[in-house]
Every structure is written in structure tokens, then in C-alpha cells.
Amino acid sequence: MRLQQLWVLIAVLIVTSCPTPPSSDPNGANTPLRSAGCGGSVPVEISQPSAEQLVSATATVEGYASDAAFKVWVIVHPSGAPQQFWVQEQAQISTDCTWRLTAHFGEQGTEHAGQYFEVMAVANPIPELQLQPGQVLSRWPGAQFASRVRSVKRR
């Protein structure tokens, strides 16, 4: 088995075996999570935007990682574009393991208005990818850890 395939298999196993983080909603709705701080039980998570939130062409994405040494990248995927996964800037993790960055959800203007986008954070992507801001991938990148995918709608 090639090293890249092994990394992808490990990432899939890790993501599928991670417990669902607690929600503040007793009905289990996908609500923003509070930072578990460094050493939390969830390796990487997005806290904002919340699921189904309306976003502008540029919007703040924030979250947390369980380790300040993680290399966290945010990926935006326009629904209906099967092979377009847009790499955003690498997140700068603060000492309390939270991070925040500005992500792009399509072009300015009305071209992408009303369109749904998925957003995911990945921690420690496989080295062979050499992620760069603005890069377009054909699928979600393999990584040591990945957040749950959030679906948002463009204003």
C-alpha cells in the first residue's frame, strides 16, 4: 500500500472513530461548540459559522484544535461542484488553541448568491499535498484529523 493511501486510510479511521462532540442543544442540533482548549477531546473543530448560517463572499471561520502545534487548514467546497475543494489560508493557532481566518465562499456579486457551500478544517494534512492558499483540490484532503463538515448558504 502506498504511503499516501495509508495516510488517507488512517485519516478516515480517525475521523469515523471520533466521538461526536457534545452540543449545547438537548436535541443534538449542530450548534456552535465552545473551545475545549488545548488538550480537548476533539482534535479539530469549526465553531463558526454555524450549520446552515448565511455567509457573505468572505466570512470569518473560527474553531479550535486540541494542540497548538497542529497545522490547521480550512477547505471550502461549493456544493454541486464535485471536484472543487478550495484551500484557504493556514490558520494561526493561538496559545489557547483557538483559531480564526477569513474564508472565501465564491466571488463577490450575485454569481454565487443562494448557493450552498461545505466547509471543513483539517489538521496536519498529509505532507505530499503541500497545501497552498488558493489551491483547488479534486477532493477533501487527507489529514491526520478533520472536523465535521459544515454546510452554509451564501447570501
Protein backbone atom coordinates (compact mmCIF):
# COMPACT_ATOMS: atom_id res chain seq x y z
CA MET A 1 0.00 0.00 0.00
CA ARG A 2 1.39 3.40 -0.93
CA LEU A 3 2.19 5.89 1.83
CA GLN A 4 -0.48 8.35 0.63
CA GLN A 5 -3.14 5.62 0.66
CA LEU A 6 -2.03 4.61 4.15
CA TRP A 7 -2.37 8.24 5.37
CA VAL A 8 -5.84 8.51 3.84
CA LEU A 9 -6.89 5.21 5.46
CA ILE A 10 -5.57 6.39 8.83
CA ALA A 11 -7.38 9.73 8.46
CA VAL A 12 -10.66 8.01 7.57
CA LEU A 13 -10.34 5.65 10.55
CA ILE A 14 -9.59 8.51 12.90
CA VAL A 15 -12.44 10.70 11.64
CA THR A 16 -15.01 7.91 11.72
CA SER A 17 -13.96 6.74 15.17
CA CYS A 18 -14.03 10.19 16.80
CA PRO A 19 -16.99 10.66 19.12
CA THR A 20 -19.46 13.36 18.23
CA PRO A 21 -18.63 16.43 20.31
CA PRO A 22 -21.22 17.50 22.86
CA SER A 23 -23.81 20.01 21.73
CA SER A 24 -25.39 22.64 23.92
CA ASP A 25 -28.75 21.82 22.30
CA PRO A 26 -30.57 18.97 24.11
CA ASN A 27 -32.00 17.88 20.75
CA GLY A 28 -28.49 17.41 19.36
CA ALA A 29 -28.72 20.20 16.77
CA ASN A 30 -25.48 21.30 15.18
CA THR A 31 -24.79 24.32 17.39
CA PRO A 32 -21.53 26.22 17.79
CA LEU A 33 -19.11 24.47 20.10
CA ARG A 34 -17.09 26.15 22.80
CA SER A 35 -13.38 25.70 22.77
CA ALA A 36 -12.27 22.67 24.71
CA GLY A 37 -8.93 24.42 24.95
CA CYS A 38 -5.61 22.74 24.36
CA GLY A 39 -5.78 19.05 25.05
CA GLY A 40 -9.53 18.82 24.36
CA SER A 41 -11.10 15.56 23.27
CA VAL A 42 -11.92 16.78 19.74
CA PRO A 43 -8.74 17.18 17.63
CA VAL A 44 -10.06 19.99 15.37
CA GLU A 45 -13.48 21.63 15.08
CA ILE A 46 -15.20 24.60 13.49
CA SER A 47 -17.22 26.72 15.91
CA GLN A 48 -18.33 29.42 13.43
CA PRO A 49 -20.09 29.71 11.08
CA SER A 50 -22.84 27.51 12.42
CA ALA A 51 -24.60 24.97 10.23
CA GLU A 52 -26.91 26.48 7.60
CA GLN A 53 -25.76 30.01 8.50
CA LEU A 54 -25.93 32.66 5.77
CA VAL A 55 -22.46 33.88 4.82
CA SER A 56 -21.06 36.61 2.59
CA ALA A 57 -18.47 36.13 -0.15
CA THR A 58 -15.85 36.45 2.59
CA ALA A 59 -16.70 35.27 6.07
CA THR A 60 -14.86 34.55 9.28
CA VAL A 61 -14.33 30.88 10.06
CA GLU A 62 -13.21 30.08 13.57
CA GLY A 63 -12.64 26.99 15.63
CA TYR A 64 -10.23 25.19 17.88
CA ALA A 65 -7.63 22.45 17.88
CA SER A 66 -6.59 20.18 20.71
CA ASP A 67 -2.91 21.01 20.15
CA ALA A 68 -1.43 24.44 19.40
CA ALA A 69 1.27 22.76 17.28
CA PHE A 70 -1.26 21.44 14.73
CA LYS A 71 -1.15 22.82 11.21
CA VAL A 72 -4.82 23.65 10.52
CA TRP A 73 -6.17 24.44 7.05
CA VAL A 74 -9.71 25.34 6.07
CA ILE A 75 -11.20 23.91 2.89
CA VAL A 76 -14.33 25.32 1.18
CA HIS A 77 -16.32 23.17 -1.24
CA PRO A 78 -19.12 24.64 -3.39
CA SER A 79 -22.00 22.14 -3.42
CA GLY A 80 -22.69 20.98 -6.93
CA ALA A 81 -19.03 21.30 -7.98
CA PRO A 82 -17.83 17.75 -7.36
CA GLN A 83 -14.12 18.37 -7.89
CA GLN A 84 -13.62 21.85 -6.45
CA PHE A 85 -12.21 22.00 -2.95
CA TRP A 86 -10.74 25.44 -2.34
CA VAL A 87 -7.78 25.68 0.05
CA GLN A 88 -7.95 28.76 2.26
CA GLU A 89 -5.14 30.32 4.33
CA GLN A 90 -3.49 28.21 7.01
CA ALA A 91 -4.99 29.06 10.40
CA GLN A 92 -2.79 30.66 13.01
CA ILE A 93 -3.49 28.85 16.28
CA SER A 94 -3.34 30.99 19.42
CA THR A 95 -1.98 29.79 22.76
CA ASP A 96 -5.49 28.78 23.91
CA CYS A 97 -5.74 26.56 20.77
CA THR A 98 -8.41 28.69 19.07
CA TRP A 99 -8.02 29.93 15.52
CA ARG A 100 -9.76 32.34 13.15
CA LEU A 101 -9.38 33.25 9.49
CA THR A 102 -11.26 34.82 6.61
CA ALA A 103 -12.50 32.29 4.05
CA HIS A 104 -13.85 32.86 0.56
CA PHE A 105 -17.27 31.49 -0.39
CA GLY A 106 -17.30 32.27 -4.10
CA GLU A 107 -16.91 35.52 -5.96
CA GLN A 108 -18.21 38.95 -4.94
CA GLY A 109 -21.54 39.86 -6.51
CA THR A 110 -24.52 37.65 -7.14
CA GLU A 111 -22.96 34.76 -9.12
CA HIS A 112 -22.83 32.52 -6.04
CA ALA A 113 -25.80 34.04 -4.16
CA GLY A 114 -28.09 31.37 -2.73
CA GLN A 115 -25.55 28.60 -3.32
CA TYR A 116 -24.62 26.13 -0.59
CA PHE A 117 -21.02 25.58 0.43
CA GLU A 118 -19.42 23.00 2.69
CA VAL A 119 -16.51 23.95 4.92
CA MET A 120 -14.10 21.68 6.79
CA ALA A 121 -10.94 22.19 8.85
CA VAL A 122 -8.12 19.67 8.56
CA ALA A 123 -5.19 19.33 10.95
CA ASN A 124 -1.80 18.09 9.82
CA PRO A 125 -2.57 17.31 6.17
CA ILE A 126 -0.55 14.54 4.55
CA PRO A 127 2.85 16.01 3.65
CA GLU A 128 2.64 15.11 -0.03
CA LEU A 129 -0.19 17.61 -0.55
CA GLN A 130 1.90 20.70 0.24
CA LEU A 131 -1.26 22.80 0.62
CA GLN A 132 -1.15 26.38 -0.61
CA PRO A 133 -3.80 29.13 -0.26
CA GLY A 134 -5.85 29.36 -3.46
CA GLN A 135 -5.09 25.79 -4.48
CA VAL A 136 -8.04 23.82 -5.89
CA LEU A 137 -8.13 20.13 -4.98
CA SER A 138 -10.27 17.42 -6.56
CA ARG A 139 -11.42 16.05 -3.15
CA TRP A 140 -11.20 16.67 0.59
CA PRO A 141 -7.52 16.42 1.54
CA GLY A 142 -6.17 13.55 3.60
CA ALA A 143 -5.04 14.67 7.03
CA GLN A 144 -4.31 13.34 10.48
CA PHE A 145 -7.54 14.94 11.78
CA ALA A 146 -10.59 16.56 10.19
CA SER A 147 -13.54 18.47 11.58
CA ARG A 148 -17.13 17.72 10.79
CA VAL A 149 -18.26 19.28 7.52
CA ARG A 150 -20.45 22.38 7.94
CA SER A 151 -22.94 23.39 5.27
CA VAL A 152 -23.56 27.12 4.88
CA LYS A 153 -25.54 29.18 2.42
CA ARG A 154 -24.19 32.19 0.54
CA ARG A 155 -26.21 35.43 0.84
